Amino acid sequence: MNDRSHPHNRWPRNPFTHARAVARIIESLVEIQGWTDKASSSKALSLVSTICTSEFLISLYSLIDVLKHSLVVSRLLQSDSLDLQNATQATQSILELLGEKRNSCNQEFKHIFSEAQKMATELGFEIKLPRLVKTMNHRANYPTEGEGNKAIENYYRCSIYIPLLDGIYTDLKTRLNPNTLELFDLRLLIPKVFLTIMASGKNATRQILQQRILKIVPKFNYLWQNDEYTKDVLAGEYDLWLNMWQNQSNNIEIKLPSTAISSLIVCSKDMFPIIFSLLKILATLPVSIATAERSFSTLKRVKTWLRTTISQERLNDLCLLNVHRDLNLCDKSETIINNFASKNKCRLDFVL
């Protein structure tokens, strides 16, 4: 949900400006410490003590330095017009960029450490080394060559920044390997996606799209007994599926499905059994469940402490209203009220 009215979406776009908000957060927490409510004041004191530490500030700026690049790939993987070629290029670019950062981590971390020091000065504390033990049983101590700030910079570079870079690089390389990226072509089963690609005219013929879909089928051989038969049936289903939505695209009143779940809802299991199964697989891929993950944040906003006794049905309805608040229902308000009034007996008469 990209609603700019939500407070989280009104934050500035510059990642380092996001970190400046830490100072304002601490000011609010310091004010809460003076409240008479002991529970709130003690929690605020604990949060301030956690934020005003060297480890927290260095970790914050290190995460900003890495995630400001991966954010671009994340948006691409969740877009409606995702294509295998774009996803592969974007993933390869971020891996190369992280590799370059790892090779020049000394220069990269100097800027991060400098920004963290400026923020620490604004917050009223100093970046310093934690208490170190001379002898370690399970690993060696992180290096602290040099004196003063140089030793502190070396320590936090080796203990926080380099492990973070290595972890994210390995994770991306494992999760977004070529075999996984090929599964993104299942999005060619979504009507709005394949019609948009065909309209662009670039590698968008019916035969090319069909070949890209058929290339994925062997990955799910365990679902079907006869692979060759399945390919022939899927080729026929895809031709019919594509032709059906091409004819309906000219109808303004029909809204083309743009997600795996909406495509699954309108897909007939009897007419398109294989496409129906592939759409179910697509709907459960991690890259395709951003809509479901956003519902968690909606639930936090809707189910407040004053609504703990709310029924499940009413909670679902309120969450749907919150998620789809961009829909204009002014023209259907009379119908909605009549349906609501006719469902249950009410003490009040609903009259427009």
Protein backbone atom coordinates (compact mmCIF):
# COMPACT_ATOMS: atom_id res chain seq x y z
CA MET A 1 0.00 0.00 0.00
CA ASN A 2 1.66 3.20 -1.18
CA ASP A 3 -0.70 5.64 0.49
CA ARG A 4 1.20 8.85 1.19
CA SER A 5 -1.29 9.66 3.98
CA HIS A 6 0.22 6.91 6.14
CA PRO A 7 2.79 8.42 8.55
CA HIS A 8 5.50 5.93 7.56
CA ASN A 9 5.20 7.00 3.92
CA ARG A 10 5.67 10.68 4.69
CA TRP A 11 9.30 10.17 5.72
CA PRO A 12 11.98 11.65 3.44
CA ARG A 13 13.36 9.49 0.65
CA ASN A 14 17.06 9.96 1.52
CA PRO A 15 18.13 6.99 3.70
CA PHE A 16 20.59 9.09 5.72
CA THR A 17 17.78 11.56 6.39
CA HIS A 18 15.80 8.66 7.83
CA ALA A 19 18.54 8.24 10.43
CA ARG A 20 18.15 11.89 11.41
CA ALA A 21 14.73 10.95 12.71
CA VAL A 22 16.50 9.07 15.52
CA ALA A 23 17.20 12.38 17.24
CA ARG A 24 13.51 13.30 17.14
CA ILE A 25 12.58 9.84 18.43
CA ILE A 26 14.95 10.24 21.38
CA GLU A 27 13.49 13.67 22.17
CA SER A 28 10.03 12.08 22.35
CA LEU A 29 11.28 9.22 24.51
CA VAL A 30 13.00 11.64 26.91
CA GLU A 31 9.72 13.51 27.27
CA ILE A 32 7.88 10.22 27.96
CA GLN A 33 10.37 9.50 30.75
CA GLY A 34 8.79 12.35 32.71
CA TRP A 35 5.29 10.84 32.57
CA THR A 36 3.62 9.66 35.74
CA ASP A 37 2.86 6.32 34.08
CA LYS A 38 5.70 4.15 35.40
CA ALA A 39 5.32 1.46 32.73
CA SER A 40 5.65 3.95 29.86
CA SER A 41 8.47 5.93 31.48
CA SER A 42 10.54 2.82 32.25
CA LYS A 43 10.11 1.49 28.70
CA ALA A 44 11.13 4.88 27.30
CA LEU A 45 14.24 4.88 29.48
CA SER A 46 15.12 1.38 28.27
CA LEU A 47 14.68 2.37 24.61
CA VAL A 48 16.82 5.50 24.99
CA SER A 49 19.56 3.43 26.64
CA THR A 50 19.46 0.98 23.70
CA ILE A 51 19.45 3.62 20.96
CA CYS A 52 22.27 5.69 22.45
CA THR A 53 24.88 2.98 22.01
CA SER A 54 27.72 2.65 19.55
CA GLU A 55 26.61 -0.78 18.33
CA PHE A 56 23.08 0.39 17.51
CA LEU A 57 24.19 3.49 15.63
CA ILE A 58 26.87 1.69 13.58
CA SER A 59 24.42 -1.11 12.75
CA LEU A 60 21.78 1.43 11.69
CA TYR A 61 24.06 3.23 9.24
CA SER A 62 25.51 -0.04 7.95
CA LEU A 63 22.01 -1.34 7.19
CA ILE A 64 21.13 1.92 5.44
CA ASP A 65 24.24 1.66 3.27
CA VAL A 66 23.30 -1.85 2.09
CA LEU A 67 19.49 -1.76 2.00
CA LYS A 68 19.28 1.50 0.04
CA HIS A 69 20.46 -0.56 -2.95
CA SER A 70 18.45 -3.72 -2.31
CA LEU A 71 15.28 -1.61 -2.00
CA VAL A 72 15.33 -1.08 -5.77
CA VAL A 73 15.43 -4.84 -6.41
CA SER A 74 12.69 -5.41 -3.84
CA ARG A 75 10.36 -2.98 -5.63
CA LEU A 76 11.11 -4.62 -8.97
CA LEU A 77 10.37 -8.13 -7.70
CA GLN A 78 6.99 -6.98 -6.37
CA SER A 79 5.94 -4.99 -9.44
CA ASP A 80 3.13 -6.11 -11.76
CA SER A 81 5.33 -5.84 -14.86
CA LEU A 82 8.11 -8.10 -13.53
CA ASP A 83 10.03 -9.86 -16.28
CA LEU A 84 12.68 -12.59 -16.00
CA GLN A 85 15.29 -10.57 -17.88
CA ASN A 86 14.80 -7.45 -15.73
CA ALA A 87 14.85 -9.50 -12.52
CA THR A 88 18.04 -11.31 -13.53
CA GLN A 89 19.81 -8.09 -14.52
CA ALA A 90 18.75 -6.29 -11.34
CA THR A 91 19.84 -9.17 -9.11
CA GLN A 92 23.19 -9.46 -10.89
CA SER A 93 23.73 -5.71 -10.55
CA ILE A 94 23.09 -5.70 -6.80
CA LEU A 95 25.41 -8.70 -6.34
CA GLU A 96 28.17 -6.95 -8.28
CA LEU A 97 27.63 -3.77 -6.27
CA LEU A 98 27.81 -5.64 -2.96
CA GLY A 99 30.96 -7.40 -4.20
CA GLU A 100 32.57 -4.03 -4.97
CA LYS A 101 31.58 -2.75 -1.53
CA ARG A 102 33.19 -5.81 0.04
CA ASN A 103 36.44 -5.29 -1.88
CA SER A 104 36.60 -1.61 -0.92
CA CYS A 105 35.05 -1.99 2.53
CA ASN A 106 37.74 0.20 4.14
CA GLN A 107 36.78 3.26 2.09
CA GLU A 108 33.06 2.49 2.25
CA PHE A 109 33.03 2.19 6.03
CA LYS A 110 34.93 5.45 6.53
CA HIS A 111 31.90 7.39 5.29
CA ILE A 112 29.54 5.28 7.42
CA PHE A 113 31.69 5.75 10.53
CA SER A 114 31.92 9.49 9.93
CA GLU A 115 28.11 9.80 9.65
CA ALA A 116 27.64 7.69 12.79
CA GLN A 117 30.05 9.92 14.72
CA LYS A 118 28.15 13.05 13.67
CA MET A 119 24.88 11.50 14.79
CA ALA A 120 26.41 10.38 18.10
CA THR A 121 27.57 13.95 18.73
CA GLU A 122 24.05 15.24 18.07
CA LEU A 123 22.62 12.64 20.46
CA GLY A 124 25.13 13.54 23.17
CA PHE A 125 27.36 10.48 23.42
CA GLU A 126 30.63 9.23 21.91
CA ILE A 127 31.37 6.25 19.68
CA LYS A 128 33.71 4.00 21.65
CA LEU A 129 34.90 0.43 21.91
CA PRO A 130 32.93 -2.04 24.04
CA ARG A 131 34.59 -3.85 26.91
CA LEU A 132 36.93 -6.43 25.38
CA VAL A 133 38.13 -9.68 26.91
CA LYS A 134 41.79 -10.54 26.41
CA THR A 135 41.19 -14.25 25.81
CA MET A 136 38.28 -15.63 23.74
CA ASN A 137 37.31 -19.32 23.84
CA HIS A 138 35.25 -19.67 20.64
CA ARG A 139 36.74 -17.03 18.31
CA ALA A 140 39.54 -14.48 18.12
CA ASN A 141 39.02 -10.87 19.09
CA TYR A 142 38.21 -8.42 16.31
CA PRO A 143 41.29 -6.39 15.28
CA THR A 144 41.77 -2.97 16.86
CA GLU A 145 44.94 -1.80 15.13
CA GLY A 146 45.76 1.87 15.37
CA GLU A 147 44.95 4.43 18.00
CA GLY A 148 41.86 6.45 18.89
CA ASN A 149 39.19 6.61 16.19
CA LYS A 150 41.24 4.40 13.85
CA ALA A 151 41.08 1.48 16.30
CA ILE A 152 37.36 2.01 16.87
CA GLU A 153 36.73 2.16 13.11
CA ASN A 154 38.66 -1.06 12.50
CA TYR A 155 36.78 -2.87 15.24
CA TYR A 156 33.27 -1.96 14.05
CA ARG A 157 34.16 -2.54 10.40
CA CYS A 158 35.22 -6.12 11.16
CA SER A 159 32.51 -6.86 13.73
CA ILE A 160 29.43 -5.30 12.06
CA TYR A 161 29.88 -4.01 8.50
CA ILE A 162 31.81 -6.89 6.87
CA PRO A 163 29.63 -9.68 8.38
CA LEU A 164 26.51 -7.77 7.27
CA LEU A 165 27.80 -7.46 3.70
CA ASP A 166 28.83 -11.12 3.54
CA GLY A 167 25.51 -12.31 4.99
CA ILE A 168 23.31 -10.31 2.61
CA TYR A 169 25.48 -11.20 -0.40
CA THR A 170 25.31 -14.92 0.38
CA ASP A 171 21.60 -14.79 1.10
CA LEU A 172 20.80 -13.01 -2.18
CA LYS A 173 23.00 -15.37 -4.16
CA THR A 174 21.30 -18.40 -2.60
CA ARG A 175 17.68 -17.24 -2.77
CA LEU A 176 17.83 -15.56 -6.18
CA ASN A 177 19.86 -18.11 -8.11
CA PRO A 178 19.09 -18.70 -11.85
CA ASN A 179 16.82 -21.67 -11.08
CA THR A 180 14.71 -19.55 -8.75
CA LEU A 181 14.58 -16.60 -11.14
CA GLU A 182 13.17 -18.84 -13.87
CA LEU A 183 10.06 -19.33 -11.75
CA PHE A 184 9.29 -15.63 -12.21
CA ASP A 185 8.10 -16.51 -15.71
CA LEU A 186 5.00 -18.01 -14.10
CA ARG A 187 3.81 -14.41 -13.95
CA LEU A 188 3.20 -14.73 -17.69
CA LEU A 189 0.01 -16.56 -16.66
CA ILE A 190 -1.38 -13.32 -15.18
CA PRO A 191 -3.57 -11.61 -17.83
CA LYS A 192 -2.48 -8.03 -17.14
CA VAL A 193 1.19 -9.03 -17.19
CA PHE A 194 1.23 -10.93 -20.49
CA LEU A 195 -1.05 -8.40 -22.20
CA THR A 196 1.27 -5.56 -21.11
CA ILE A 197 4.31 -7.45 -22.40
CA MET A 198 2.59 -8.25 -25.70
CA ALA A 199 1.58 -4.61 -26.12
CA SER A 200 5.22 -3.55 -25.69
CA GLY A 201 6.15 -5.58 -28.80
CA LYS A 202 9.56 -6.68 -27.46
CA ASN A 203 9.97 -10.48 -27.50
CA ALA A 204 6.25 -10.73 -26.94
CA THR A 205 4.89 -13.10 -29.56
CA ARG A 206 2.46 -15.80 -28.52
CA GLN A 207 4.98 -18.56 -29.33
CA ILE A 208 7.79 -17.00 -27.24
CA LEU A 209 5.54 -16.55 -24.19
CA GLN A 210 4.31 -20.12 -24.56
CA GLN A 211 7.87 -21.48 -24.76
CA ARG A 212 8.85 -19.61 -21.61
CA ILE A 213 5.91 -21.14 -19.73
CA LEU A 214 6.59 -24.67 -21.05
CA LYS A 215 10.22 -24.37 -19.95
CA ILE A 216 9.10 -24.21 -16.31
CA VAL A 217 6.83 -27.29 -16.38
CA PRO A 218 9.66 -29.88 -15.88
CA LYS A 219 10.40 -28.31 -12.48
CA PHE A 220 7.02 -29.63 -11.30
CA ASN A 221 7.10 -33.12 -12.84
CA TYR A 222 6.09 -34.62 -9.52
CA LEU A 223 2.63 -33.08 -9.95
CA TRP A 224 1.96 -34.79 -13.27
CA GLN A 225 2.65 -38.35 -14.42
CA ASN A 226 3.17 -37.76 -18.15
CA ASP A 227 5.48 -34.83 -18.89
CA GLU A 228 5.01 -34.79 -22.68
CA TYR A 229 1.25 -35.03 -22.39
CA THR A 230 1.25 -32.22 -19.83
CA LYS A 231 3.23 -29.93 -22.16
CA ASP A 232 0.78 -30.51 -25.01
CA VAL A 233 -2.23 -29.88 -22.79
CA LEU A 234 -0.63 -26.79 -21.23
CA ALA A 235 0.18 -25.40 -24.70
CA GLY A 236 -3.48 -25.72 -25.66
CA GLU A 237 -4.69 -24.26 -22.35
CA TYR A 238 -2.32 -21.30 -22.61
CA ASP A 239 -3.43 -20.49 -26.17
CA LEU A 240 -7.06 -20.52 -25.05
CA TRP A 241 -6.30 -18.59 -21.85
CA LEU A 242 -4.36 -15.92 -23.74
CA ASN A 243 -6.95 -15.62 -26.50
CA MET A 244 -9.80 -15.32 -23.97
CA TRP A 245 -8.19 -12.39 -22.15
CA GLN A 246 -7.15 -10.69 -25.39
CA ASN A 247 -10.82 -10.59 -26.39
CA GLN A 248 -11.89 -9.30 -22.98
CA SER A 249 -9.19 -6.60 -22.85
CA ASN A 250 -11.27 -4.43 -25.19
CA ASN A 251 -14.15 -4.44 -22.70
CA ILE A 252 -13.73 -1.40 -20.43
CA GLU A 253 -16.09 -2.79 -17.78
CA ILE A 254 -13.94 -5.90 -17.20
CA LYS A 255 -10.98 -5.38 -14.88
CA LEU A 256 -7.98 -7.48 -15.89
CA PRO A 257 -6.48 -9.59 -13.04
CA SER A 258 -3.09 -8.15 -12.08
CA THR A 259 -2.02 -10.55 -9.32
CA ALA A 260 -1.69 -14.31 -8.94
CA ILE A 261 -4.54 -14.48 -6.43
CA SER A 262 -6.97 -12.46 -8.55
CA SER A 263 -6.06 -14.57 -11.61
CA LEU A 264 -6.62 -17.76 -9.61
CA ILE A 265 -10.09 -16.58 -8.59
CA VAL A 266 -11.25 -16.08 -12.20
CA CYS A 267 -9.51 -19.21 -13.54
CA SER A 268 -11.83 -22.16 -14.12
CA LYS A 269 -10.38 -25.33 -12.62
CA ASP A 270 -12.39 -27.50 -15.00
CA MET A 271 -11.40 -25.62 -18.16
CA PHE A 272 -7.76 -24.80 -17.22
CA PRO A 273 -6.63 -27.45 -14.68
CA ILE A 274 -2.87 -27.10 -15.33
CA ILE A 275 -2.93 -23.29 -15.41
CA PHE A 276 -4.98 -23.39 -12.20
CA SER A 277 -2.28 -25.51 -10.52
CA LEU A 278 0.53 -23.25 -11.76
CA LEU A 279 -1.31 -20.15 -10.53
CA LYS A 280 -1.58 -21.75 -7.08
CA ILE A 281 2.18 -22.30 -7.12
CA LEU A 282 2.75 -18.70 -8.20
CA ALA A 283 0.46 -17.42 -5.44
CA THR A 284 2.59 -19.18 -2.81
CA LEU A 285 6.01 -18.02 -4.06
CA PRO A 286 7.68 -15.65 -1.56
CA VAL A 287 7.99 -12.89 -4.18
CA SER A 288 4.22 -13.03 -4.79
CA ILE A 289 2.95 -12.69 -1.21
CA ALA A 290 3.67 -9.01 -0.63
CA THR A 291 -0.09 -8.36 -0.50
CA ALA A 292 -0.53 -10.91 2.29
CA GLU A 293 2.41 -9.46 4.23
CA ARG A 294 0.93 -5.97 4.03
CA SER A 295 -2.23 -7.28 5.70
CA PHE A 296 -0.22 -7.82 8.90
CA SER A 297 0.52 -4.10 9.21
CA THR A 298 -3.14 -3.39 8.47
CA LEU A 299 -4.15 -5.67 11.32
CA LYS A 300 -1.90 -3.75 13.72
CA ARG A 301 -3.56 -0.48 12.77
CA VAL A 302 -7.12 -1.79 12.92
CA LYS A 303 -7.08 -4.06 15.98
CA THR A 304 -6.26 -1.57 18.70
CA TRP A 305 -6.56 -2.15 22.44
CA LEU A 306 -10.10 -0.74 22.34
CA ARG A 307 -11.12 -3.39 19.78
CA THR A 308 -9.88 -6.53 21.54
CA THR A 309 -13.41 -7.93 21.86
CA ILE A 310 -14.27 -7.39 18.21
CA SER A 311 -15.66 -10.41 16.35
CA GLN A 312 -13.63 -12.10 13.60
CA GLU A 313 -16.13 -11.24 10.87
CA ARG A 314 -16.22 -7.56 11.79
CA LEU A 315 -12.42 -7.47 12.06
CA ASN A 316 -12.06 -8.94 8.56
CA ASP A 317 -14.51 -6.40 7.17
CA LEU A 318 -12.69 -3.46 8.78
CA CYS A 319 -9.34 -4.72 7.48
CA LEU A 320 -10.74 -5.01 3.95
CA LEU A 321 -12.10 -1.46 4.17
CA ASN A 322 -8.68 -0.25 5.29
CA VAL A 323 -6.77 -2.13 2.58
CA HIS A 324 -9.11 -1.10 -0.25
CA ARG A 325 -9.73 2.46 0.92
CA ASP A 326 -8.81 3.76 -2.54
CA LEU A 327 -12.03 2.33 -4.03
CA ASN A 328 -14.75 4.88 -4.70
CA LEU A 329 -18.07 3.53 -3.40
CA CYS A 330 -20.06 6.77 -3.39
CA ASP A 331 -22.22 5.61 -6.29
CA LYS A 332 -23.03 2.35 -4.51
CA SER A 333 -23.67 3.75 -1.02
CA GLU A 334 -27.46 3.24 -1.20
CA THR A 335 -27.07 -0.39 -2.26
CA ILE A 336 -24.55 -1.05 0.51
CA ILE A 337 -26.78 0.46 3.19
CA ASN A 338 -29.82 -1.52 1.96
CA ASN A 339 -27.84 -4.77 2.00
CA PHE A 340 -26.53 -4.04 5.50
CA ALA A 341 -29.98 -3.10 6.81
CA SER A 342 -31.63 -6.21 5.35
CA LYS A 343 -29.08 -8.64 6.81
CA ASN A 344 -29.87 -8.21 10.51
CA LYS A 345 -32.52 -6.68 12.65
CA CYS A 346 -31.47 -3.18 13.68
CA ARG A 347 -32.86 -0.81 16.26
CA LEU A 348 -32.44 2.10 13.88
CA ASP A 349 -33.98 2.51 10.44
CA PHE A 350 -31.38 3.23 7.78
CA VAL A 351 -32.96 5.84 5.50
CA LEU A 352 -31.10 8.07 3.06
